[in-house]
C-alpha atoms as a PDB file:
ATOM      1  CA  MET A   1       0.000   0.000   0.000  1.00  0.00           C
ATOM      2  CA  THR A   2       1.310   3.419  -0.933  1.00  0.00           C
ATOM      3  CA  PRO A   3       1.011   6.431   1.393  1.00  0.00           C
ATOM      4  CA  ALA A   4      -1.485   8.034  -1.001  1.00  0.00           C
ATOM      5  CA  GLU A   5      -3.684   4.933  -0.976  1.00  0.00           C
ATOM      6  CA  TYR A   6      -3.544   4.753   2.803  1.00  0.00           C
ATOM      7  CA  ALA A   7      -4.553   8.410   3.138  1.00  0.00           C
ATOM      8  CA  LEU A   8      -7.603   8.029   0.889  1.00  0.00           C
ATOM      9  CA  LEU A   9      -8.710   4.676   2.312  1.00  0.00           C
ATOM     10  CA  SER A  10      -8.557   6.170   5.805  1.00  0.00           C
ATOM     11  CA  GLN A  11     -11.103   8.872   5.000  1.00  0.00           C
ATOM     12  CA  PRO A  12     -14.091   8.574   7.389  1.00  0.00           C
ATOM     13  CA  LYS A  13     -16.545   9.255   4.561  1.00  0.00           C
ATOM     14  CA  LEU A  14     -15.456   6.109   2.717  1.00  0.00           C
ATOM     15  CA  SER A  15     -17.619   3.138   3.701  1.00  0.00           C
ATOM     16  CA  HIS A  16     -16.146  -0.121   4.896  1.00  0.00           C
ATOM     17  CA  PRO A  17     -17.639  -2.119   1.951  1.00  0.00           C
ATOM     18  CA  ALA A  18     -15.976   0.344  -0.452  1.00  0.00           C
ATOM     19  CA  ARG A  19     -12.614  -0.160   1.273  1.00  0.00           C
ATOM     20  CA  THR A  20     -13.090  -3.928   1.097  1.00  0.00           C
ATOM     21  CA  LEU A  21     -13.977  -3.780  -2.581  1.00  0.00           C
ATOM     22  CA  TYR A  22     -10.844  -1.772  -3.343  1.00  0.00           C
ATOM     23  CA  TRP A  23      -8.320  -3.554  -1.143  1.00  0.00           C
ATOM     24  CA  LEU A  24      -9.396  -7.201  -1.400  1.00  0.00           C
ATOM     25  CA  LEU A  25     -10.755  -7.340  -4.945  1.00  0.00           C
ATOM     26  CA  LEU A  26      -9.928  -4.447  -7.265  1.00  0.00           C
ATOM     27  CA  ARG A  27      -6.340  -3.827  -6.203  1.00  0.00           C
ATOM     28  CA  PRO A  28      -5.112  -7.469  -6.527  1.00  0.00           C
ATOM     29  CA  ALA A  29      -6.983  -7.855  -9.825  1.00  0.00           C
ATOM     30  CA  CYS A  30      -5.472  -4.697 -11.351  1.00  0.00           C
ATOM     31  CA  LEU A  31      -1.979  -5.664 -10.192  1.00  0.00           C
ATOM     32  CA  ARG A  32      -2.343  -8.975 -12.035  1.00  0.00           C
ATOM     33  CA  GLN A  33      -4.138  -7.596 -15.086  1.00  0.00           C
ATOM     34  CA  ALA A  34      -3.516  -4.126 -16.482  1.00  0.00           C
ATOM     35  CA  ASP A  35      -6.684  -4.124 -18.635  1.00  0.00           C
ATOM     36  CA  PHE A  36      -9.035  -5.255 -15.869  1.00  0.00           C
ATOM     37  CA  GLN A  37     -12.770  -4.970 -16.583  1.00  0.00           C
ATOM     38  CA  VAL A  38     -15.433  -4.810 -13.883  1.00  0.00           C
ATOM     39  CA  ASN A  39     -17.631  -7.872 -13.619  1.00  0.00           C
ATOM     40  CA  TYR A  40     -20.614  -7.314 -11.336  1.00  0.00           C
ATOM     41  CA  PRO A  41     -21.587 -10.995 -10.823  1.00  0.00           C
ATOM     42  CA  GLU A  42     -18.028 -11.975  -9.868  1.00  0.00           C
ATOM     43  CA  LEU A  43     -17.620  -9.035  -7.497  1.00  0.00           C
ATOM     44  CA  GLY A  44     -21.034  -9.692  -5.952  1.00  0.00           C
ATOM     45  CA  ARG A  45     -20.131 -13.309  -5.207  1.00  0.00           C
ATOM     46  CA  ALA A  46     -16.757 -12.279  -3.790  1.00  0.00           C
ATOM     47  CA  LEU A  47     -18.339  -9.730  -1.444  1.00  0.00           C
ATOM     48  CA  ALA A  48     -21.152 -12.010  -0.257  1.00  0.00           C
ATOM     49  CA  VAL A  49     -20.898 -13.371   3.296  1.00  0.00           C
ATOM     50  CA  GLU A  50     -22.449 -16.769   3.992  1.00  0.00           C
ATOM     51  CA  ASP A  51     -24.813 -17.251   6.904  1.00  0.00           C
ATOM     52  CA  PRO A  52     -23.727 -20.372   8.851  1.00  0.00           C
ATOM     53  CA  SER A  53     -27.151 -20.678  10.437  1.00  0.00           C
ATOM     54  CA  VAL A  54     -28.947 -20.878   7.077  1.00  0.00           C
ATOM     55  CA  PRO A  55     -27.713 -23.531   4.602  1.00  0.00           C
ATOM     56  CA  GLY A  56     -27.087 -21.836   1.280  1.00  0.00           C
ATOM     57  CA  GLY A  57     -28.049 -18.459   2.737  1.00  0.00           C
ATOM     58  CA  PHE A  58     -26.108 -15.242   3.019  1.00  0.00           C
ATOM     59  CA  ALA A  59     -25.759 -12.842   5.897  1.00  0.00           C
ATOM     60  CA  TYR A  60     -24.590 -10.085   3.541  1.00  0.00           C
ATOM     61  CA  GLN A  61     -25.043  -9.539  -0.204  1.00  0.00           C
ATOM     62  CA  VAL A  62     -24.690  -6.592  -2.549  1.00  0.00           C
ATOM     63  CA  THR A  63     -26.940  -5.803  -5.461  1.00  0.00           C
ATOM     64  CA  ALA A  64     -25.892  -4.301  -8.793  1.00  0.00           C
ATOM     65  CA  ARG A  65     -27.162  -0.937  -7.610  1.00  0.00           C
ATOM     66  CA  GLN A  66     -25.115  -1.166  -4.408  1.00  0.00           C
ATOM     67  CA  LEU A  67     -22.004  -2.100  -6.412  1.00  0.00           C
ATOM     68  CA  THR A  68     -22.517   0.983  -8.545  1.00  0.00           C
ATOM     69  CA  GLU A  69     -22.752   3.104  -5.395  1.00  0.00           C
ATOM     70  CA  LEU A  70     -19.531   1.562  -4.045  1.00  0.00           C
ATOM     71  CA  PHE A  71     -17.748   2.387  -7.291  1.00  0.00           C
ATOM     72  CA  ASP A  72     -19.126   5.929  -7.082  1.00  0.00           C
ATOM     73  CA  GLU A  73     -17.487   6.245  -3.642  1.00  0.00           C
ATOM     74  CA  LEU A  74     -14.122   5.017  -4.920  1.00  0.00           C
ATOM     75  CA  ILE A  75     -14.261   7.246  -8.003  1.00  0.00           C
ATOM     76  CA  GLN A  76     -15.157  10.317  -5.949  1.00  0.00           C
ATOM     77  CA  ALA A  77     -12.303   9.529  -3.529  1.00  0.00           C
ATOM     78  CA  GLY A  78      -9.828   9.335  -6.424  1.00  0.00           C
ATOM     79  CA  LEU A  79      -9.040   5.645  -5.965  1.00  0.00           C
ATOM     80  CA  VAL A  80     -10.638   4.519  -9.258  1.00  0.00           C
ATOM     81  CA  THR A  81     -10.644   6.230 -12.665  1.00  0.00           C
ATOM     82  CA  LEU A  82     -12.753   5.494 -15.757  1.00  0.00           C
ATOM     83  CA  PRO A  83     -12.027   5.893 -19.476  1.00  0.00           C
ATOM     84  CA  PRO A  84     -13.097   9.368 -20.666  1.00  0.00           C
ATOM     85  CA  SER A  85     -15.450   7.767 -23.178  1.00  0.00           C
ATOM     86  CA  TRP A  86     -17.412   5.751 -20.599  1.00  0.00           C
ATOM     87  CA  GLN A  87     -21.029   6.939 -20.474  1.00  0.00           C
ATOM     88  CA  GLY A  88     -22.848   4.003 -18.826  1.00  0.00           C
ATOM     89  CA  GLU A  89     -25.175   4.279 -15.845  1.00  0.00           C
ATOM     90  CA  HIS A  90     -23.305   1.424 -14.201  1.00  0.00           C
ATOM     91  CA  TYR A  91     -19.756   0.058 -14.368  1.00  0.00           C
ATOM     92  CA  HIS A  92     -20.321  -3.542 -15.458  1.00  0.00           C
ATOM     93  CA  LEU A  93     -17.719  -4.471 -18.131  1.00  0.00           C
ATOM     94  CA  CYS A  94     -16.078  -1.051 -17.713  1.00  0.00           C
ATOM     95  CA  PRO A  95     -12.248  -1.064 -17.958  1.00  0.00           C
ATOM     96  CA  ILE A  96     -11.022   0.757 -14.872  1.00  0.00           C
ATOM     97  CA  GLN A  97      -7.663   1.940 -13.583  1.00  0.00           C
ATOM     98  CA  LEU A  98      -6.332   2.449 -10.077  1.00  0.00           C
ATOM     99  CA  PRO A  99      -4.114   5.550 -10.402  1.00  0.00           C
ATOM    100  CA  LEU A 100      -2.471   5.153  -6.990  1.00  0.00           C
ATOM    101  CA  LEU A 101      -1.098   1.659  -7.462  1.00  0.00           C
ATOM    102  CA  PRO A 102       2.607   1.536  -6.593  1.00  0.00           C
ATOM    103  CA  GLY A 103       4.970   2.260  -9.465  1.00  0.00           C
ATOM    104  CA  GLU A 104       8.721   1.905  -9.815  1.00  0.00           C
ATOM    105  CA  ASN A 105       9.375   5.120  -7.885  1.00  0.00           C
ATOM    106  CA  ALA A 106       6.622   4.764  -5.290  1.00  0.00           C
ATOM    107  CA  LEU A 107       7.674   5.021  -1.655  1.00  0.00           C
ATOM    108  CA  PRO A 108       6.356   2.242   0.604  1.00  0.00           C
ATOM    109  CA  LEU A 109       4.777   2.867   3.954  1.00  0.00           C
ATOM    110  CA  PRO A 110       7.216   2.689   6.882  1.00  0.00           C
ATOM    111  CA  GLN A 111       7.516  -0.889   8.037  1.00  0.00           C
ATOM    112  CA  ALA A 112       6.504  -1.816  11.540  1.00  0.00           C
ATOM    113  CA  ALA A 113       9.247  -3.024  13.863  1.00  0.00           C
ATOM    114  CA  PHE A 114       9.063  -6.533  15.271  1.00  0.00           C
ATOM    115  CA  ALA A 115      11.130  -8.929  17.355  1.00  0.00           C
ATOM    116  CA  MET A 116      13.004 -11.705  15.590  1.00  0.00           C
ATOM    117  CA  HIS A 117      11.031 -14.940  15.171  1.00  0.00           C
ATOM    118  CA  ALA A 118      11.864 -18.466  14.017  1.00  0.00           C
ATOM    119  CA  ASP A 119      10.069 -18.110  10.660  1.00  0.00           C
ATOM    120  CA  TRP A 120      11.859 -14.923   9.607  1.00  0.00           C
ATOM    121  CA  ARG A 121      13.246 -14.870   6.082  1.00  0.00           C
ATOM    122  CA  PRO A 122      14.817 -12.173   3.871  1.00  0.00           C
ATOM    123  CA  ASP A 123      12.447 -10.881   1.208  1.00  0.00           C
ATOM    124  CA  ALA A 124      12.757 -10.234  -2.530  1.00  0.00           C
ATOM    125  CA  GLN A 125      14.723  -7.007  -1.957  1.00  0.00           C
ATOM    126  CA  PHE A 126      17.551  -8.830  -0.177  1.00  0.00           C
ATOM    127  CA  THR A 127      19.748  -9.427  -3.249  1.00  0.00           C
ATOM    128  CA  ASN A 128      19.747  -5.788  -4.365  1.00  0.00           C
ATOM    129  CA  LEU A 129      20.236  -4.576  -0.809  1.00  0.00           C
ATOM    130  CA  ALA A 130      23.189  -6.927  -0.329  1.00  0.00           C
ATOM    131  CA  ARG A 131      24.870  -5.620  -3.466  1.00  0.00           C
ATOM    132  CA  LEU A 132      24.404  -2.048  -2.330  1.00  0.00           C
ATOM    133  CA  CYS A 133      26.159  -2.996   0.901  1.00  0.00           C
ATOM    134  CA  GLY A 134      29.096  -4.605  -0.907  1.00  0.00           C
ATOM    135  CA  LEU A 135      28.029  -8.244  -0.523  1.00  0.00           C
ATOM    136  CA  LEU A 136      28.115  -9.363  -4.156  1.00  0.00           C
ATOM    137  CA  ASP A 137      27.232 -12.984  -3.411  1.00  0.00           C
ATOM    138  CA  SER A 138      23.911 -12.823  -1.582  1.00  0.00           C
ATOM    139  CA  GLN A 139      23.427 -16.595  -1.441  1.00  0.00           C
ATOM    140  CA  TYR A 140      23.419 -17.982   2.081  1.00  0.00           C
ATOM    141  CA  ALA A 141      23.225 -21.373   3.717  1.00  0.00           C
ATOM    142  CA  GLU A 142      20.428 -22.386   6.041  1.00  0.00           C
ATOM    143  CA  GLU A 143      23.075 -22.772   8.736  1.00  0.00           C
ATOM    144  CA  GLU A 144      24.032 -19.107   8.360  1.00  0.00           C
ATOM    145  CA  LEU A 145      20.418 -17.985   8.514  1.00  0.00           C
ATOM    146  CA  GLY A 146      19.734 -20.288  11.470  1.00  0.00           C
ATOM    147  CA  GLU A 147      22.646 -18.916  13.475  1.00  0.00           C
ATOM    148  CA  PHE A 148      21.494 -15.352  12.801  1.00  0.00           C
ATOM    149  CA  ILE A 149      17.915 -16.086  13.876  1.00  0.00           C
ATOM    150  CA  ALA A 150      19.041 -18.004  16.955  1.00  0.00           C
ATOM    151  CA  TYR A 151      21.281 -15.123  18.039  1.00  0.00           C
ATOM    152  CA  TRP A 152      18.476 -12.559  17.877  1.00  0.00           C
ATOM    153  CA  LEU A 153      15.851 -14.887  19.327  1.00  0.00           C
ATOM    154  CA  GLY A 154      17.855 -14.620  22.524  1.00  0.00           C
ATOM    155  CA  ARG A 155      17.293 -10.859  22.479  1.00  0.00           C
ATOM    156  CA  PRO A 156      13.499 -10.482  22.376  1.00  0.00           C
ATOM    157  CA  GLU A 157      13.753  -6.893  23.546  1.00  0.00           C
ATOM    158  CA  GLN A 158      15.369  -5.943  20.229  1.00  0.00           C
ATOM    159  CA  PHE A 159      12.876  -4.673  17.627  1.00  0.00           C
ATOM    160  CA  ALA A 160      13.617  -3.791  13.984  1.00  0.00           C
ATOM    161  CA  ASN A 161      11.669  -3.605  10.753  1.00  0.00           C
ATOM    162  CA  GLN A 162      12.213  -5.973   7.821  1.00  0.00           C
ATOM    163  CA  HIS A 163      14.687  -3.662   6.100  1.00  0.00           C
ATOM    164  CA  GLN A 164      16.755  -3.281   9.274  1.00  0.00           C
ATOM    165  CA  TRP A 165      16.773  -7.022   9.989  1.00  0.00           C
ATOM    166  CA  GLN A 166      18.061  -7.626   6.463  1.00  0.00           C
ATOM    167  CA  LEU A 167      20.836  -5.092   6.980  1.00  0.00           C
ATOM    168  CA  LYS A 168      21.815  -6.881  10.190  1.00  0.00           C
ATOM    169  CA  PHE A 169      21.871 -10.219   8.355  1.00  0.00           C
ATOM    170  CA  ILE A 170      24.030  -8.774   5.564  1.00  0.00           C
ATOM    171  CA  LYS A 171      26.446  -7.389   8.162  1.00  0.00           C
ATOM    172  CA  ALA A 172      26.619 -10.816   9.826  1.00  0.00           C
ATOM    173  CA  LEU A 173      27.332 -12.531   6.485  1.00  0.00           C
ATOM    174  CA  LYS A 174      30.091 -10.047   5.680  1.00  0.00           C
ATOM    175  CA  ALA A 175      31.688 -10.503   9.079  1.00  0.00           C
ATOM    176  CA  ARG A 176      31.557 -14.274   8.629  1.00  0.00           C
ATOM    177  CA  ARG A 177      32.994 -14.319   5.117  1.00  0.00           C
ATOM    178  CA  TYR A 178      35.435 -11.422   5.277  1.00  0.00           C
ATOM    179  CA  PRO A 179      36.937 -11.348   8.790  1.00  0.00           C
ATOM    180  CA  ARG A 180      39.059  -8.305   9.580  1.00  0.00           C
ATOM    181  CA  ARG A 181      42.705  -8.726  10.531  1.00  0.00           C
ATOM    182  CA  PRO A 182      43.657  -7.461  14.010  1.00  0.00           C
ATOM    183  CA  ALA A 183      44.843  -3.853  14.033  1.00  0.00           C
ATOM    184  CA  GLY A 184      48.632  -3.364  13.909  1.00  0.00           C
ATOM    185  CA  GLU A 185      49.575  -6.349  11.777  1.00  0.00           C
ATOM    186  CA  ALA A 186      52.482  -5.552   9.513  1.00  0.00           C
ATOM    187  CA  GLN A 187      50.920  -7.068   6.454  1.00  0.00           C
ATOM    188  CA  ARG A 188      47.203  -7.083   5.660  1.00  0.00           C
ATOM    189  CA  ASP A 189      45.410  -9.118   3.045  1.00  0.00           C
ATOM    190  CA  THR A 190      42.086  -7.336   3.470  1.00  0.00           C
ATOM    191  CA  GLN A 191      40.895  -3.809   2.929  1.00  0.00           C
ATOM    192  CA  GLY A 192      37.565  -3.273   4.704  1.00  0.00           C
ATOM    193  CA  TYR A 193      35.532  -6.384   3.960  1.00  0.00           C
ATOM    194  CA  GLN A 194      36.789  -6.930   0.409  1.00  0.00           C
ATOM    195  CA  ARG A 195      39.302  -9.673  -0.131  1.00  0.00           C
ATOM    196  CA  VAL A 196      42.503  -8.515  -1.840  1.00  0.00           C
ATOM    197  CA  LYS A 197      45.096 -10.882  -3.266  1.00  0.00           C
ATOM    198  CA  VAL A 198      48.535 -10.150  -1.907  1.00  0.00           C
ATOM    199  CA  ASP A 199      52.038 -11.039  -3.014  1.00  0.00           C
ATOM    200  CA  GLU A 200      53.012 -14.053  -0.906  1.00  0.00           C
ATOM    201  CA  ARG A 201      56.651 -14.299  -2.070  1.00  0.00           C
ATOM    202  CA  GLN A 202      59.063 -14.959   0.738  1.00  0.00           C
ATOM    203  CA  GLY A 203      62.760 -13.973   1.113  1.00  0.00           C
ATOM    204  CA  PRO A 204      64.833 -10.971  -0.076  1.00  0.00           C
ATOM    205  CA  SER A 205      63.955  -9.072  -3.238  1.00  0.00           C
ATOM    206  CA  THR A 206      66.014  -9.322  -6.450  1.00  0.00           C
ATOM    207  CA  ARG A 207      67.670  -5.964  -5.751  1.00  0.00           C
ATOM    208  CA  ALA A 208      68.621  -7.092  -2.280  1.00  0.00           C
ATOM    209  CA  LEU A 209      70.229 -10.267  -3.662  1.00  0.00           C
ATOM    210  CA  GLU A 210      72.285  -8.218  -6.145  1.00  0.00           C
ATOM    211  CA  MET A 211      73.529  -5.945  -3.385  1.00  0.00           C
ATOM    212  CA  MET A 212      74.459  -8.946  -1.241  1.00  0.00           C
ATOM    213  CA  ALA A 213      76.418 -10.478  -4.145  1.00  0.00           C
ATOM    214  CA  GLN A 214      78.324  -7.251  -4.751  1.00  0.00           C
ATOM    215  CA  ALA A 215      79.213  -6.999  -1.067  1.00  0.00           C
ATOM    216  CA  LYS A 216      80.503 -10.574  -1.070  1.00  0.00           C
ATOM    217  CA  GLN A 217      82.706  -9.861  -4.120  1.00  0.00           C
ATOM    218  CA  LEU A 218      84.217  -6.841  -2.421  1.00  0.00           C
ATOM    219  CA  GLN A 219      84.840  -8.849   0.706  1.00  0.00           C
ATOM    220  CA  ASP A 220      86.560 -11.640  -1.254  1.00  0.00           C
ATOM    221  CA  LYS A 221      88.845  -9.128  -3.037  1.00  0.00           C
ATOM    222  CA  GLY A 222      89.924  -7.640   0.264  1.00  0.00           C
ATOM    223  CA  THR A 223      90.783 -10.998   1.928  1.00  0.00           C
ATOM    224  CA  PRO A 224      94.599 -11.764   1.890  1.00  0.00           C
ATOM    225  CA  ASP A 225      95.764 -15.098   0.409  1.00  0.00           C
ATOM    226  CA  GLU A 226      96.804 -17.662   2.912  1.00  0.00           C
END
């Protein structure tokens, strides 16, 4: 849900059936199908509430006229738009659009914070978020995820939203895969968390060997014969 949708759906003048029609029926249908057309019989059946005390009966049903009134509410609120050429007295078979559906640049609502739980999993944004944080390989083992969850399950007082939990998991993966060398080591093979290949040659350099050879020659020349 986008902030604009939330603001309009929260209006006191919008009836609860109109909110239900938009959120549970129209919105999912338009997300799946760009050229969605209104179908009164299908929407009427979807909105009907069965009466458990009466076999085959309904505790709540909407008529075609009531559906038209619900659409009028959503159109007046700015949640539904019609083609300019539509002139019908009702909206059956009318192709509609929901102008406030989230687009590529839409900002999501702030996520609610929650404590870690055993069923937590990273979501579809995890791969892109990991790359932004410098973790190019976002694949992880169940063992790695299990250790992360177990650690935070022991801290139920800690709350974070989904985005923040994913950042914590990325940080844990980076620390596990790219451990930092202790400060003060003479030679480092890491810079930050990125692995860097270093020259592992041992012993004196070529220039040092040449200087040692020259020194030995001078020493031999200066040694008297026995």
